[in-house]
Amino acid sequence: MTHSTTGAPEGAPPQDPQIAALLDAIVPHVAFDGWSETAFRAAAQEQGMTLAQAHELCPRGAIDLAVALHDAGDRAMIEAVRAADLGEMRYRDRVAFALRARIEAVRDKEALRRATALFALPHHAAEGSRLLWRTADSVWTALGDASDDVNWYTKRATLSGVWASVVLYWLGDDSLDHQATWSFIDRRIDDVMRIEKAKASANNSMLLRPVTGALSILFSGVHAPNRKPPMDLPGHWSPRR
């Protein structure tokens, strides 16, 4: 029995075969030249492309290939989650499984190290934040998260922080078979679960109910994004909530 889901994650878009070929070509160069124009030029040359042709596929050059590498890891994680039998697992163990699968999907540790440094730069930080969010969204959606309120956002924001810390920890981990990283993942998820239990206790507290009730009303109009395909055809009307 495999774990089925409803709907596909918004992130991890399908990869163009030519971009995939450029990605395969650039990864060996990244260890020496980083995600740079030099590495991008070498990858294009190896694929028999002119630099102009390569930039048509990746307008930002190596930056777009670093994003493509990230998305490839998300897709591999999604496939691993969907192929696994998670039915008997606790939910926190399913999340841990997904994060481990995402680490195992990293094809080149040095390429990820260089990408992490790249997206930490001020002018690429927004892109880096989007990628963290995209991975968190991919994990929750692959696990079948059906939340449709403010919890949709808080789950992804929390997991984005967890994933960022896991990546940094793993980059410095030299333990056998990543055992130290797996333990770190478990500890971080336990921390999150304690926060969730504290939130539940606060919601059930008679003393705090005036505050939590007011917050519930405040956030009652917050909903998850509508992921249905746009239907902007003439004569079509989509009711808005």
Protein backbone atom coordinates (compact mmCIF):
# COMPACT_ATOMS: atom_id res chain seq x y z
CA MET A 1 0.00 0.00 0.00
CA THR A 2 1.37 3.41 -0.94
CA HIS A 3 0.61 6.78 0.51
CA SER A 4 -1.77 8.67 -1.76
CA THR A 5 -2.38 12.39 -1.81
CA THR A 6 -4.90 14.81 -3.15
CA GLY A 7 -3.49 17.45 -5.42
CA ALA A 8 0.08 18.22 -6.45
CA PRO A 9 2.46 20.60 -4.77
CA GLU A 10 2.61 24.06 -6.23
CA GLY A 11 6.40 23.88 -6.36
CA ALA A 12 8.74 21.45 -8.09
CA PRO A 13 7.53 22.14 -11.64
CA PRO A 14 8.32 19.62 -14.40
CA GLN A 15 11.83 20.03 -15.76
CA ASP A 16 12.61 20.82 -19.37
CA PRO A 17 14.91 18.08 -20.79
CA GLN A 18 17.35 20.66 -22.13
CA ILE A 19 17.55 22.36 -18.74
CA ALA A 20 18.07 18.93 -17.16
CA ALA A 21 20.97 18.35 -19.56
CA LEU A 22 22.52 21.71 -18.68
CA LEU A 23 22.10 20.88 -15.00
CA ASP A 24 23.89 17.56 -15.42
CA ALA A 25 26.70 19.37 -17.22
CA ILE A 26 27.16 22.22 -14.74
CA VAL A 27 27.22 20.24 -11.47
CA PRO A 28 30.82 18.97 -11.87
CA HIS A 29 31.99 22.55 -12.52
CA VAL A 30 30.20 24.04 -9.50
CA ALA A 31 32.69 22.51 -7.06
CA PHE A 32 35.44 24.63 -8.65
CA ASP A 33 33.66 27.70 -10.05
CA GLY A 34 30.48 27.90 -7.99
CA TRP A 35 27.14 28.76 -9.57
CA SER A 36 28.89 31.25 -11.82
CA GLU A 37 28.80 32.41 -15.41
CA THR A 38 32.07 30.51 -15.93
CA ALA A 39 30.44 27.24 -14.89
CA PHE A 40 27.32 28.06 -16.94
CA ARG A 41 29.41 28.76 -20.03
CA ALA A 42 31.27 25.46 -19.62
CA ALA A 43 27.98 23.55 -19.27
CA ALA A 44 26.57 25.17 -22.40
CA GLN A 45 29.70 24.32 -24.36
CA GLU A 46 29.56 20.68 -23.26
CA GLN A 47 25.95 20.48 -24.44
CA GLY A 48 26.82 21.96 -27.83
CA MET A 49 24.85 25.14 -27.15
CA THR A 50 25.81 28.71 -27.76
CA LEU A 51 25.71 30.93 -24.71
CA ALA A 52 22.71 32.73 -26.23
CA GLN A 53 20.83 29.44 -26.61
CA ALA A 54 21.61 28.48 -23.03
CA HIS A 55 20.40 31.86 -21.77
CA GLU A 56 17.13 31.39 -23.66
CA LEU A 57 16.54 28.36 -21.44
CA CYS A 58 17.98 29.96 -18.30
CA PRO A 59 17.75 33.76 -18.53
CA ARG A 60 19.58 34.18 -15.21
CA GLY A 61 22.23 31.67 -16.15
CA ALA A 62 23.62 29.52 -13.35
CA ILE A 63 21.08 30.92 -10.87
CA ASP A 64 18.28 29.23 -12.79
CA LEU A 65 20.20 25.96 -12.79
CA ALA A 66 20.69 26.19 -9.02
CA VAL A 67 16.91 26.57 -8.73
CA ALA A 68 16.46 23.62 -11.09
CA LEU A 69 18.70 21.50 -8.86
CA HIS A 70 16.57 22.41 -5.86
CA ASP A 71 13.34 21.58 -7.68
CA ALA A 72 14.75 18.23 -8.83
CA GLY A 73 15.36 17.35 -5.19
CA ASP A 74 11.79 18.29 -4.28
CA ARG A 75 10.42 16.09 -7.07
CA ALA A 76 12.52 13.13 -5.93
CA MET A 77 11.29 13.61 -2.36
CA ILE A 78 7.66 13.68 -3.51
CA GLU A 79 8.15 10.45 -5.45
CA ALA A 80 9.76 8.77 -2.43
CA VAL A 81 6.89 9.81 -0.14
CA ARG A 82 4.24 8.64 -2.57
CA ALA A 83 5.98 5.29 -3.08
CA ALA A 84 6.36 4.61 0.65
CA ASP A 85 3.90 2.87 2.95
CA LEU A 86 3.35 5.50 5.61
CA GLY A 87 -0.03 4.29 6.82
CA GLU A 88 1.19 2.93 10.15
CA MET A 89 3.46 5.88 10.93
CA ARG A 90 2.67 8.68 13.34
CA TYR A 91 2.31 11.99 11.56
CA ARG A 92 5.55 13.37 13.03
CA ASP A 93 7.35 10.27 11.69
CA ARG A 94 5.89 10.90 8.23
CA VAL A 95 7.30 14.41 8.29
CA ALA A 96 10.68 13.06 9.42
CA PHE A 97 10.59 10.49 6.61
CA ALA A 98 9.92 13.22 4.05
CA LEU A 99 12.80 15.37 5.31
CA ARG A 100 15.15 12.40 5.21
CA ALA A 101 13.98 11.60 1.69
CA ARG A 102 14.69 15.21 0.72
CA ILE A 103 18.24 14.97 2.07
CA GLU A 104 18.77 11.67 0.27
CA ALA A 105 17.60 13.34 -2.94
CA VAL A 106 20.57 15.74 -2.87
CA ARG A 107 22.66 14.65 -5.81
CA ASP A 108 25.82 16.56 -4.94
CA LYS A 109 26.66 17.87 -1.47
CA GLU A 110 29.16 20.46 -2.68
CA ALA A 111 26.66 21.80 -5.23
CA LEU A 112 24.14 22.24 -2.41
CA ARG A 113 26.77 23.90 -0.21
CA ARG A 114 27.53 26.38 -2.98
CA ALA A 115 23.81 26.95 -3.62
CA THR A 116 23.20 27.59 0.09
CA ALA A 117 25.94 30.24 0.08
CA LEU A 118 24.54 31.71 -3.15
CA PHE A 119 21.00 32.10 -1.83
CA ALA A 120 22.27 33.58 1.43
CA LEU A 121 23.56 36.62 -0.47
CA PRO A 122 21.33 39.68 0.03
CA HIS A 123 20.36 39.99 -3.64
CA HIS A 124 19.36 36.30 -3.82
CA ALA A 125 17.88 35.94 -0.33
CA ALA A 126 14.29 36.34 -1.55
CA GLU A 127 14.79 33.49 -4.02
CA GLY A 128 16.30 31.37 -1.27
CA SER A 129 13.30 32.01 0.97
CA ARG A 130 10.94 31.01 -1.84
CA LEU A 131 12.81 27.75 -2.32
CA LEU A 132 12.64 26.95 1.41
CA TRP A 133 8.90 27.62 1.35
CA ARG A 134 8.51 25.53 -1.81
CA THR A 135 10.17 22.53 -0.17
CA ALA A 136 8.01 22.88 2.94
CA ASP A 137 4.93 23.13 0.75
CA SER A 138 6.00 20.08 -1.24
CA VAL A 139 6.45 18.06 1.96
CA TRP A 140 3.07 18.98 3.43
CA THR A 141 1.21 18.48 0.17
CA ALA A 142 2.91 15.15 -0.52
CA LEU A 143 1.81 14.05 2.96
CA GLY A 144 -1.78 14.97 2.14
CA ASP A 145 -2.14 18.11 4.25
CA ALA A 146 -5.72 19.30 3.86
CA SER A 147 -5.59 22.44 6.01
CA ASP A 148 -7.40 25.37 4.43
CA ASP A 149 -7.02 28.11 7.00
CA VAL A 150 -4.20 29.98 8.72
CA ASN A 151 -2.70 26.61 9.68
CA TRP A 152 -1.79 26.14 6.01
CA TYR A 153 0.63 29.05 6.36
CA THR A 154 1.92 28.34 9.86
CA LYS A 155 2.73 24.72 8.99
CA ARG A 156 4.79 25.77 6.00
CA ALA A 157 6.49 28.64 7.80
CA THR A 158 7.49 26.35 10.67
CA LEU A 159 8.72 23.58 8.39
CA SER A 160 10.68 26.09 6.29
CA GLY A 161 12.67 26.98 9.39
CA VAL A 162 13.16 23.32 10.27
CA TRP A 163 14.34 22.50 6.75
CA ALA A 164 16.79 25.41 6.68
CA SER A 165 18.37 24.23 9.94
CA VAL A 166 18.48 20.62 8.72
CA VAL A 167 20.35 21.61 5.56
CA LEU A 168 22.95 23.59 7.50
CA TYR A 169 23.40 20.76 9.98
CA TRP A 170 23.73 18.13 7.24
CA LEU A 171 26.34 20.17 5.36
CA GLY A 172 28.60 19.84 8.40
CA ASP A 173 27.66 16.24 9.21
CA ASP A 174 30.32 13.58 8.61
CA SER A 175 28.60 10.82 10.61
CA LEU A 176 28.07 7.36 9.15
CA ASP A 177 24.99 7.24 6.88
CA HIS A 178 23.88 10.68 8.09
CA GLN A 179 22.85 9.27 11.48
CA ALA A 180 23.59 12.55 13.27
CA THR A 181 21.37 14.40 10.80
CA TRP A 182 18.52 11.91 11.24
CA SER A 183 18.71 12.44 15.02
CA PHE A 184 18.77 16.21 14.49
CA ILE A 185 15.62 15.98 12.34
CA ASP A 186 13.87 14.01 15.08
CA ARG A 187 14.82 16.61 17.69
CA ARG A 188 13.62 19.51 15.58
CA ILE A 189 10.29 17.85 14.87
CA ASP A 190 9.88 17.06 18.56
CA ASP A 191 10.41 20.77 19.26
CA VAL A 192 7.69 21.64 16.76
CA MET A 193 5.30 19.10 18.24
CA ARG A 194 5.81 20.60 21.70
CA ILE A 195 4.88 24.01 20.30
CA GLU A 196 1.76 22.54 18.68
CA LYS A 197 0.75 20.93 21.98
CA ALA A 198 1.26 24.24 23.75
CA LYS A 199 -0.96 25.96 21.18
CA ALA A 200 -3.66 23.33 21.67
CA SER A 201 -3.48 23.76 25.44
CA ALA A 202 -3.78 27.52 25.07
CA ASN A 203 -6.83 27.14 22.83
CA ASN A 204 -8.49 24.93 25.45
CA SER A 205 -7.58 27.15 28.39
CA MET A 206 -10.52 28.97 29.98
CA LEU A 207 -8.13 31.68 31.14
CA LEU A 208 -6.77 32.32 27.63
CA ARG A 209 -10.01 31.74 25.75
CA PRO A 210 -10.80 35.48 25.38
CA VAL A 211 -7.44 35.94 23.63
CA THR A 212 -7.48 32.77 21.55
CA GLY A 213 -11.10 33.35 20.60
CA ALA A 214 -10.31 36.84 19.36
CA LEU A 215 -7.38 35.50 17.35
CA SER A 216 -9.61 32.81 15.83
CA ILE A 217 -12.04 35.47 14.67
CA LEU A 218 -9.19 37.62 13.35
CA PHE A 219 -7.77 34.78 11.24
CA SER A 220 -11.10 33.22 10.23
CA GLY A 221 -10.91 34.88 6.83
CA VAL A 222 -7.45 33.50 6.05
CA HIS A 223 -7.53 30.60 3.59
CA ALA A 224 -4.98 28.52 1.73
CA PRO A 225 -4.30 29.55 -1.88
CA ASN A 226 -6.70 28.22 -4.48
CA ARG A 227 -4.67 25.79 -6.57
CA LYS A 228 -7.27 25.00 -9.17
CA PRO A 229 -6.09 25.75 -12.72
CA PRO A 230 -7.17 29.22 -13.87
CA MET A 231 -10.28 29.20 -16.04
CA ASP A 232 -10.04 32.54 -17.81
CA LEU A 233 -12.08 31.40 -20.80
CA PRO A 234 -14.74 33.66 -22.35
CA GLY A 235 -18.09 33.07 -20.73
CA HIS A 236 -16.64 31.27 -17.70
CA TRP A 237 -17.40 32.54 -14.23
CA SER A 238 -15.60 31.36 -11.12
CA PRO A 239 -17.22 32.27 -7.79
CA ARG A 240 -14.77 33.85 -5.37
CA ARG A 241 -14.88 33.18 -1.68
